[in-house]
Amino acid sequence: MSIINEALKKTEEYLQKNAAKDNLLAPKPAGAKPFLLYILILLAGLSLGNFIFNLLSHELQTTQTQKLNALPVIQTTNSPPAAALPSQPPEEKKPAELNFVLNGIFFSDNDGYALVNNQIVRENDYVDGAKVGLITTNTVELDNAGQRITLSTHR
């Protein structure tokens, strides 16, 4: 029996020593270091997100600017300024052989406008001595000293 007793005592001593080591290596309470690490990770994520957002919004603005520069769009809801719409006939001149170029036709809420020879006109206005007649979605009719000229968007 003494051999068994001695083995039990050695086992008990071994368990007490290991228990003492476990108590010495017990986890330390969480301090400020993990919170500081979490805050730094959060700030890095926010900075990265802001950088990506700025990069994407800059690319979007650049793309929109390129589209606007490539395809000019004319939208009007109000009448153009009075200086752009000559309504008085010019002084009497001989009808000249002028080339009229229809640059575009557009409509606002109430009126139709045409861009003829790079000048905005509407019905009954004058462009280079010719009176603007009817403006439709595809044509503009001009009266140049009795000569009827029809300008069309179809080429």
N, C-alpha and C. Protein backbone atom coordinates (compact mmCIF):
# COMPACT_ATOMS: atom_id res chain seq x y z
N MET A 1 0.80 -1.18 0.00
CA MET A 1 0.00 0.00 0.00
C MET A 1 0.85 1.26 0.00
N SER A 2 1.96 1.19 0.49
CA SER A 2 2.79 2.37 0.58
C SER A 2 3.19 2.85 -0.79
N ILE A 3 3.31 1.94 -1.73
CA ILE A 3 3.67 2.35 -3.08
C ILE A 3 2.51 3.12 -3.70
N ILE A 4 1.31 2.69 -3.45
CA ILE A 4 0.12 3.35 -3.99
C ILE A 4 -0.03 4.72 -3.33
N ASN A 5 0.21 4.78 -2.03
CA ASN A 5 0.13 6.04 -1.29
C ASN A 5 1.12 7.05 -1.85
N GLU A 6 2.33 6.61 -2.07
CA GLU A 6 3.35 7.49 -2.59
C GLU A 6 2.99 7.98 -4.00
N ALA A 7 2.43 7.12 -4.82
CA ALA A 7 2.03 7.51 -6.17
C ALA A 7 0.91 8.54 -6.12
N LEU A 8 -0.04 8.36 -5.20
CA LEU A 8 -1.14 9.31 -5.04
C LEU A 8 -0.61 10.67 -4.58
N LYS A 9 0.32 10.68 -3.63
CA LYS A 9 0.89 11.94 -3.13
C LYS A 9 1.63 12.67 -4.25
N LYS A 10 2.40 11.93 -5.08
CA LYS A 10 3.12 12.56 -6.17
C LYS A 10 2.15 13.13 -7.21
N THR A 11 1.08 12.41 -7.46
CA THR A 11 0.09 12.88 -8.41
C THR A 11 -0.59 14.15 -7.89
N GLU A 12 -0.89 14.16 -6.58
CA GLU A 12 -1.52 15.32 -5.96
C GLU A 12 -0.60 16.53 -6.00
N GLU A 13 0.69 16.34 -5.72
CA GLU A 13 1.66 17.42 -5.78
C GLU A 13 1.78 17.96 -7.22
N TYR A 14 1.78 17.02 -8.17
CA TYR A 14 1.89 17.42 -9.59
C TYR A 14 0.67 18.27 -10.01
N LEU A 15 -0.52 17.84 -9.55
CA LEU A 15 -1.73 18.60 -9.88
C LEU A 15 -1.73 19.97 -9.22
N GLN A 16 -1.23 20.08 -7.99
CA GLN A 16 -1.17 21.37 -7.30
C GLN A 16 -0.20 22.32 -8.00
N LYS A 17 0.95 21.80 -8.46
CA LYS A 17 1.92 22.63 -9.17
C LYS A 17 1.33 23.14 -10.49
N ASN A 18 0.66 22.27 -11.22
CA ASN A 18 0.06 22.68 -12.49
C ASN A 18 -1.08 23.68 -12.27
N ALA A 19 -1.83 23.51 -11.21
CA ALA A 19 -2.90 24.45 -10.90
C ALA A 19 -2.31 25.81 -10.56
N ALA A 20 -1.20 25.83 -9.86
CA ALA A 20 -0.54 27.09 -9.51
C ALA A 20 -0.03 27.78 -10.78
N LYS A 21 0.52 27.00 -11.73
CA LYS A 21 0.99 27.58 -12.99
C LYS A 21 -0.18 28.15 -13.79
N ASP A 22 -1.32 27.43 -13.80
CA ASP A 22 -2.50 27.92 -14.51
C ASP A 22 -2.99 29.23 -13.92
N ASN A 23 -2.93 29.37 -12.59
CA ASN A 23 -3.35 30.61 -11.94
C ASN A 23 -2.42 31.76 -12.29
N LEU A 24 -1.11 31.45 -12.44
CA LEU A 24 -0.17 32.50 -12.80
C LEU A 24 -0.37 32.97 -14.24
N LEU A 25 -0.78 32.08 -15.13
CA LEU A 25 -0.96 32.40 -16.54
C LEU A 25 -2.40 32.78 -16.86
N ALA A 26 -3.17 33.15 -15.88
CA ALA A 26 -4.57 33.52 -16.11
C ALA A 26 -4.63 34.74 -17.02
N PRO A 27 -5.64 34.83 -17.88
CA PRO A 27 -5.73 35.96 -18.80
C PRO A 27 -5.86 37.29 -18.06
N LYS A 28 -5.19 38.28 -18.63
CA LYS A 28 -5.24 39.61 -18.05
C LYS A 28 -6.55 40.27 -18.46
N PRO A 29 -7.08 41.12 -17.63
CA PRO A 29 -8.31 41.82 -18.01
C PRO A 29 -8.04 42.75 -19.20
N ALA A 30 -9.07 42.87 -20.06
CA ALA A 30 -8.93 43.71 -21.25
C ALA A 30 -8.72 45.16 -20.84
N GLY A 31 -7.71 45.77 -21.42
CA GLY A 31 -7.41 47.16 -21.11
C GLY A 31 -7.75 48.05 -22.28
N ALA A 32 -7.06 49.16 -22.41
CA ALA A 32 -7.32 50.15 -23.45
C ALA A 32 -6.72 49.75 -24.79
N LYS A 33 -5.78 48.82 -24.81
CA LYS A 33 -5.11 48.48 -26.06
C LYS A 33 -6.05 47.89 -27.11
N PRO A 34 -6.94 46.93 -26.78
CA PRO A 34 -7.83 46.43 -27.82
C PRO A 34 -8.78 47.51 -28.35
N PHE A 35 -9.25 48.40 -27.51
CA PHE A 35 -10.13 49.47 -27.98
C PHE A 35 -9.38 50.41 -28.91
N LEU A 36 -8.14 50.70 -28.59
CA LEU A 36 -7.33 51.55 -29.46
C LEU A 36 -7.13 50.89 -30.82
N LEU A 37 -6.92 49.58 -30.81
CA LEU A 37 -6.77 48.85 -32.06
C LEU A 37 -8.06 48.91 -32.88
N TYR A 38 -9.21 48.72 -32.24
CA TYR A 38 -10.49 48.79 -32.93
C TYR A 38 -10.73 50.19 -33.52
N ILE A 39 -10.38 51.21 -32.80
CA ILE A 39 -10.57 52.58 -33.29
C ILE A 39 -9.66 52.84 -34.49
N LEU A 40 -8.42 52.37 -34.44
CA LEU A 40 -7.51 52.54 -35.56
C LEU A 40 -8.01 51.80 -36.80
N ILE A 41 -8.53 50.59 -36.62
CA ILE A 41 -9.08 49.84 -37.75
C ILE A 41 -10.29 50.56 -38.33
N LEU A 42 -11.15 51.08 -37.47
CA LEU A 42 -12.33 51.83 -37.92
C LEU A 42 -11.93 53.07 -38.71
N LEU A 43 -10.97 53.83 -38.22
CA LEU A 43 -10.50 55.02 -38.92
C LEU A 43 -9.88 54.68 -40.27
N ALA A 44 -9.12 53.60 -40.32
CA ALA A 44 -8.51 53.18 -41.59
C ALA A 44 -9.59 52.79 -42.58
N GLY A 45 -10.63 52.10 -42.14
CA GLY A 45 -11.74 51.72 -43.02
C GLY A 45 -12.50 52.93 -43.53
N LEU A 46 -12.75 53.89 -42.67
CA LEU A 46 -13.44 55.11 -43.09
C LEU A 46 -12.61 55.90 -44.10
N SER A 47 -11.32 55.99 -43.86
CA SER A 47 -10.45 56.71 -44.80
C SER A 47 -10.42 56.02 -46.16
N LEU A 48 -10.33 54.72 -46.16
CA LEU A 48 -10.33 53.97 -47.41
C LEU A 48 -11.66 54.13 -48.15
N GLY A 49 -12.76 54.07 -47.42
CA GLY A 49 -14.08 54.27 -48.03
C GLY A 49 -14.22 55.65 -48.63
N ASN A 50 -13.75 56.68 -47.93
CA ASN A 50 -13.81 58.04 -48.43
C ASN A 50 -12.97 58.19 -49.69
N PHE A 51 -11.79 57.59 -49.71
CA PHE A 51 -10.93 57.64 -50.88
C PHE A 51 -11.60 57.00 -52.09
N ILE A 52 -12.19 55.84 -51.90
CA ILE A 52 -12.86 55.14 -53.00
C ILE A 52 -14.06 55.95 -53.49
N PHE A 53 -14.85 56.52 -52.57
CA PHE A 53 -16.00 57.33 -52.95
C PHE A 53 -15.57 58.54 -53.78
N ASN A 54 -14.53 59.24 -53.34
CA ASN A 54 -14.05 60.40 -54.08
C ASN A 54 -13.53 60.00 -55.46
N LEU A 55 -12.86 58.89 -55.54
CA LEU A 55 -12.34 58.41 -56.82
C LEU A 55 -13.48 58.10 -57.78
N LEU A 56 -14.49 57.39 -57.30
CA LEU A 56 -15.62 57.02 -58.16
C LEU A 56 -16.45 58.25 -58.56
N SER A 57 -16.68 59.17 -57.64
CA SER A 57 -17.48 60.36 -57.99
C SER A 57 -16.71 61.25 -58.97
N HIS A 58 -15.38 61.31 -58.86
CA HIS A 58 -14.59 62.09 -59.81
C HIS A 58 -14.68 61.47 -61.20
N GLU A 59 -14.60 60.14 -61.30
CA GLU A 59 -14.73 59.47 -62.59
C GLU A 59 -16.11 59.69 -63.18
N LEU A 60 -17.15 59.68 -62.34
CA LEU A 60 -18.51 59.90 -62.81
C LEU A 60 -18.66 61.32 -63.35
N GLN A 61 -18.12 62.30 -62.65
CA GLN A 61 -18.20 63.69 -63.11
C GLN A 61 -17.43 63.85 -64.42
N THR A 62 -16.28 63.22 -64.54
CA THR A 62 -15.50 63.31 -65.76
C THR A 62 -16.26 62.70 -66.93
N THR A 63 -16.91 61.56 -66.71
CA THR A 63 -17.68 60.90 -67.75
C THR A 63 -18.86 61.76 -68.17
N GLN A 64 -19.57 62.35 -67.20
CA GLN A 64 -20.71 63.21 -67.53
C GLN A 64 -20.26 64.44 -68.28
N THR A 65 -19.14 65.03 -67.90
CA THR A 65 -18.63 66.20 -68.60
C THR A 65 -18.26 65.86 -70.03
N GLN A 66 -17.65 64.70 -70.25
CA GLN A 66 -17.29 64.28 -71.60
C GLN A 66 -18.54 64.07 -72.43
N LYS A 67 -19.59 63.49 -71.85
CA LYS A 67 -20.83 63.28 -72.59
C LYS A 67 -21.47 64.61 -72.95
N LEU A 68 -21.46 65.56 -72.01
CA LEU A 68 -22.06 66.87 -72.28
C LEU A 68 -21.28 67.61 -73.35
N ASN A 69 -19.96 67.48 -73.34
CA ASN A 69 -19.16 68.14 -74.36
C ASN A 69 -19.32 67.48 -75.72
N ALA A 70 -19.56 66.19 -75.74
CA ALA A 70 -19.68 65.47 -77.00
C ALA A 70 -21.02 65.71 -77.67
N LEU A 71 -22.09 65.79 -76.89
CA LEU A 71 -23.43 65.95 -77.44
C LEU A 71 -24.10 67.16 -76.82
N PRO A 72 -23.99 68.33 -77.43
CA PRO A 72 -24.64 69.50 -76.85
C PRO A 72 -26.16 69.35 -76.93
N VAL A 73 -26.82 69.65 -75.83
CA VAL A 73 -28.27 69.55 -75.74
C VAL A 73 -28.82 70.94 -75.48
N ILE A 74 -29.80 71.34 -76.27
CA ILE A 74 -30.41 72.64 -76.09
C ILE A 74 -31.80 72.40 -75.52
N GLN A 75 -32.03 72.92 -74.33
CA GLN A 75 -33.34 72.80 -73.71
C GLN A 75 -33.77 74.18 -73.28
N THR A 76 -34.94 74.59 -73.70
CA THR A 76 -35.44 75.88 -73.29
C THR A 76 -36.86 75.72 -72.81
N THR A 77 -37.18 76.41 -71.75
CA THR A 77 -38.56 76.46 -71.30
C THR A 77 -39.07 77.89 -71.36
N ASN A 78 -38.17 78.84 -71.39
CA ASN A 78 -38.53 80.25 -71.49
C ASN A 78 -38.11 80.76 -72.87
N SER A 79 -38.62 81.90 -73.21
CA SER A 79 -38.23 82.50 -74.49
C SER A 79 -36.78 82.95 -74.44
N PRO A 80 -36.07 82.86 -75.54
CA PRO A 80 -34.70 83.37 -75.57
C PRO A 80 -34.68 84.88 -75.37
N PRO A 81 -33.54 85.44 -75.05
CA PRO A 81 -33.47 86.88 -74.85
C PRO A 81 -33.88 87.64 -76.12
N ALA A 82 -34.40 88.84 -75.91
CA ALA A 82 -34.91 89.63 -77.03
C ALA A 82 -33.82 89.94 -78.04
N ALA A 83 -32.57 90.07 -77.59
CA ALA A 83 -31.48 90.38 -78.51
C ALA A 83 -31.25 89.23 -79.50
N ALA A 84 -31.57 88.00 -79.09
CA ALA A 84 -31.36 86.86 -79.96
C ALA A 84 -32.50 86.68 -80.96
N LEU A 85 -33.63 87.38 -80.74
CA LEU A 85 -34.79 87.22 -81.61
C LEU A 85 -35.09 88.52 -82.34
N PRO A 86 -34.52 88.72 -83.50
CA PRO A 86 -34.83 89.95 -84.24
C PRO A 86 -36.26 89.87 -84.78
N SER A 87 -37.08 90.85 -84.43
CA SER A 87 -38.46 90.82 -84.88
C SER A 87 -38.75 91.93 -85.88
N GLN A 88 -37.86 92.88 -86.03
CA GLN A 88 -38.06 93.96 -86.99
C GLN A 88 -37.39 93.59 -88.31
N PRO A 89 -38.05 93.85 -89.41
CA PRO A 89 -37.42 93.54 -90.70
C PRO A 89 -36.22 94.45 -90.92
N PRO A 90 -35.20 93.93 -91.56
CA PRO A 90 -34.04 94.78 -91.85
C PRO A 90 -34.40 95.79 -92.93
N GLU A 91 -33.51 96.73 -93.12
CA GLU A 91 -33.76 97.75 -94.14
C GLU A 91 -33.90 97.09 -95.50
N GLU A 92 -34.61 97.75 -96.38
CA GLU A 92 -34.85 97.20 -97.71
C GLU A 92 -33.53 96.99 -98.43
N LYS A 93 -33.30 95.78 -98.86
CA LYS A 93 -32.10 95.43 -99.59
C LYS A 93 -32.51 94.56 -100.76
N LYS A 94 -31.65 94.46 -101.67
CA LYS A 94 -31.89 93.56 -102.78
C LYS A 94 -31.78 92.14 -102.26
N PRO A 95 -32.63 91.25 -102.74
CA PRO A 95 -32.49 89.86 -102.29
C PRO A 95 -31.15 89.31 -102.72
N ALA A 96 -30.44 88.83 -101.77
CA ALA A 96 -29.11 88.29 -102.05
C ALA A 96 -29.19 86.78 -102.17
N GLU A 97 -28.27 86.25 -102.87
CA GLU A 97 -28.17 84.80 -102.98
C GLU A 97 -27.46 84.30 -101.71
N LEU A 98 -28.23 83.98 -100.72
CA LEU A 98 -27.66 83.52 -99.46
C LEU A 98 -27.88 82.02 -99.30
N ASN A 99 -26.95 81.42 -98.68
CA ASN A 99 -27.12 80.01 -98.31
C ASN A 99 -27.64 79.97 -96.89
N PHE A 100 -28.79 79.34 -96.71
CA PHE A 100 -29.36 79.21 -95.38
C PHE A 100 -29.07 77.81 -94.88
N VAL A 101 -28.59 77.74 -93.63
CA VAL A 101 -28.25 76.47 -93.02
C VAL A 101 -29.13 76.28 -91.80
N LEU A 102 -29.87 75.19 -91.77
CA LEU A 102 -30.71 74.85 -90.63
C LEU A 102 -29.84 74.06 -89.66
N ASN A 103 -29.51 74.69 -88.52
CA ASN A 103 -28.66 74.05 -87.53
C ASN A 103 -29.46 73.20 -86.55
N GLY A 104 -30.74 73.51 -86.35
CA GLY A 104 -31.55 72.72 -85.43
C GLY A 104 -32.93 73.31 -85.23
N ILE A 105 -33.83 72.48 -84.74
CA ILE A 105 -35.20 72.89 -84.42
C ILE A 105 -35.49 72.39 -83.02
N PHE A 106 -36.10 73.25 -82.20
CA PHE A 106 -36.48 72.83 -80.86
C PHE A 106 -37.73 73.57 -80.45
N PHE A 107 -38.44 73.00 -79.50
CA PHE A 107 -39.71 73.54 -79.04
C PHE A 107 -39.67 73.72 -77.54
N SER A 108 -40.28 74.81 -77.08
CA SER A 108 -40.48 75.02 -75.65
C SER A 108 -41.94 74.73 -75.38
N ASP A 109 -42.45 75.18 -74.24
CA ASP A 109 -43.83 74.89 -73.88
C ASP A 109 -44.82 75.44 -74.91
N ASN A 110 -44.61 76.65 -75.38
CA ASN A 110 -45.60 77.30 -76.25
C ASN A 110 -45.11 77.56 -77.66
N ASP A 111 -43.83 77.70 -77.88
CA ASP A 111 -43.32 78.15 -79.17
C ASP A 111 -42.31 77.16 -79.75
N GLY A 112 -42.19 77.25 -81.10
CA GLY A 112 -41.15 76.50 -81.79
C GLY A 112 -40.04 77.45 -82.18
N TYR A 113 -38.83 77.01 -82.07
CA TYR A 113 -37.67 77.82 -82.40
C TYR A 113 -36.79 77.05 -83.38
N ALA A 114 -36.08 77.81 -84.20
CA ALA A 114 -35.15 77.21 -85.15
C ALA A 114 -33.82 77.91 -85.03
N LEU A 115 -32.78 77.18 -85.30
CA LEU A 115 -31.44 77.74 -85.31
C LEU A 115 -31.00 77.74 -86.78
N VAL A 116 -31.12 78.91 -87.39
CA VAL A 116 -30.80 79.07 -88.81
C VAL A 116 -29.60 79.99 -88.92
N ASN A 117 -28.58 79.54 -89.62
CA ASN A 117 -27.32 80.30 -89.74
C ASN A 117 -26.80 80.72 -88.37
N ASN A 118 -26.89 79.80 -87.42
CA ASN A 118 -26.43 80.02 -86.04
C ASN A 118 -27.13 81.18 -85.36
N GLN A 119 -28.38 81.43 -85.72
CA GLN A 119 -29.18 82.49 -85.11
C GLN A 119 -30.52 81.89 -84.70
N ILE A 120 -30.93 82.13 -83.44
CA ILE A 120 -32.19 81.59 -82.94
C ILE A 120 -33.33 82.46 -83.44
N VAL A 121 -34.29 81.83 -84.10
CA VAL A 121 -35.44 82.56 -84.65
C VAL A 121 -36.72 81.78 -84.36
N ARG A 122 -37.84 82.49 -84.43
CA ARG A 122 -39.15 81.84 -84.36
C ARG A 122 -40.00 82.40 -85.49
N GLU A 123 -41.22 81.95 -85.63
CA GLU A 123 -42.07 82.37 -86.74
C GLU A 123 -42.21 83.90 -86.76
N ASN A 124 -42.18 84.47 -87.98
CA ASN A 124 -42.31 85.91 -88.24
C ASN A 124 -41.06 86.71 -87.88
N ASP A 125 -39.97 86.06 -87.52
CA ASP A 125 -38.69 86.76 -87.31
C ASP A 125 -37.94 86.78 -88.64
N TYR A 126 -36.84 87.53 -88.67
CA TYR A 126 -36.03 87.64 -89.88
C TYR A 126 -34.64 87.10 -89.60
N VAL A 127 -34.12 86.40 -90.59
CA VAL A 127 -32.75 85.90 -90.52
C VAL A 127 -32.10 86.20 -91.86
N ASP A 128 -31.05 86.99 -91.84
CA ASP A 128 -30.31 87.38 -93.04
C ASP A 128 -31.23 87.87 -94.15
N GLY A 129 -32.23 88.68 -93.79
CA GLY A 129 -33.13 89.28 -94.77
C GLY A 129 -34.31 88.43 -95.16
N ALA A 130 -34.41 87.22 -94.71
CA ALA A 130 -35.53 86.35 -95.05
C ALA A 130 -36.45 86.21 -93.84
N LYS A 131 -37.76 86.23 -94.11
CA LYS A 131 -38.74 86.12 -93.04
C LYS A 131 -39.02 84.64 -92.77
N VAL A 132 -39.03 84.29 -91.49
CA VAL A 132 -39.28 82.91 -91.08
C VAL A 132 -40.79 82.67 -91.12
N GLY A 133 -41.17 81.64 -91.84
CA GLY A 133 -42.59 81.28 -91.93
C GLY A 133 -42.92 80.21 -90.90
N LEU A 134 -43.31 79.06 -91.40
CA LEU A 134 -43.76 77.95 -90.56
C LEU A 134 -42.56 77.15 -90.05
N ILE A 135 -42.59 76.80 -88.74
CA ILE A 135 -41.58 75.94 -88.15
C ILE A 135 -42.29 74.66 -87.72
N THR A 136 -41.87 73.53 -88.30
CA THR A 136 -42.41 72.22 -87.91
C THR A 136 -41.29 71.41 -87.27
N THR A 137 -41.59 70.17 -86.93
CA THR A 137 -40.58 69.35 -86.26
C THR A 137 -39.40 69.01 -87.17
N ASN A 138 -39.61 69.04 -88.51
CA ASN A 138 -38.53 68.68 -89.44
C ASN A 138 -38.19 69.76 -90.44
N THR A 139 -38.99 70.82 -90.57
CA THR A 139 -38.74 71.82 -91.60
C THR A 139 -38.92 73.23 -91.07
N VAL A 140 -38.27 74.17 -91.78
CA VAL A 140 -38.46 75.60 -91.54
C VAL A 140 -38.64 76.24 -92.92
N GLU A 141 -39.71 77.04 -93.04
CA GLU A 141 -39.97 77.71 -94.31
C GLU A 141 -39.57 79.17 -94.18
N LEU A 142 -38.83 79.67 -95.19
CA LEU A 142 -38.37 81.06 -95.22
C LEU A 142 -38.95 81.73 -96.45
N ASP A 143 -39.21 83.04 -96.35
CA ASP A 143 -39.65 83.83 -97.50
C ASP A 143 -38.56 84.88 -97.74
N ASN A 144 -37.79 84.68 -98.82
CA ASN A 144 -36.69 85.56 -99.14
C ASN A 144 -37.08 86.38 -100.37
N ALA A 145 -37.69 87.55 -100.14
CA ALA A 145 -38.13 88.47 -101.21
C ALA A 145 -39.05 87.74 -102.20
N GLY A 146 -40.04 87.06 -101.66
CA GLY A 146 -41.00 86.36 -102.50
C GLY A 146 -40.58 84.96 -102.89
N GLN A 147 -39.38 84.61 -102.66
CA GLN A 147 -38.90 83.26 -102.99
C GLN A 147 -39.07 82.37 -101.76
N ARG A 148 -39.78 81.25 -101.93
CA ARG A 148 -40.06 80.34 -100.83
C ARG A 148 -38.90 79.35 -100.69
N ILE A 149 -38.27 79.30 -99.51
CA ILE A 149 -37.16 78.39 -99.25
C ILE A 149 -37.58 77.48 -98.12
N THR A 150 -37.45 76.18 -98.31
CA THR A 150 -37.77 75.20 -97.26
C THR A 150 -36.47 74.54 -96.83
N LEU A 151 -36.17 74.68 -95.56
CA LEU A 151 -34.99 74.04 -94.97
C LEU A 151 -35.47 72.79 -94.21
N SER A 152 -34.74 71.72 -94.35
CA SER A 152 -35.16 70.46 -93.74
C SER A 152 -34.03 69.85 -92.94
N THR A 153 -34.42 69.09 -91.91
CA THR A 153 -33.42 68.38 -91.11
C THR A 153 -32.99 67.12 -91.82
N HIS A 154 -33.77 66.63 -92.79
CA HIS A 154 -33.41 65.44 -93.58
C HIS A 154 -32.41 65.83 -94.63
N ARG A 155 -31.37 65.06 -94.81
CA ARG A 155 -30.34 65.41 -95.80
C ARG A 155 -30.35 64.43 -96.92
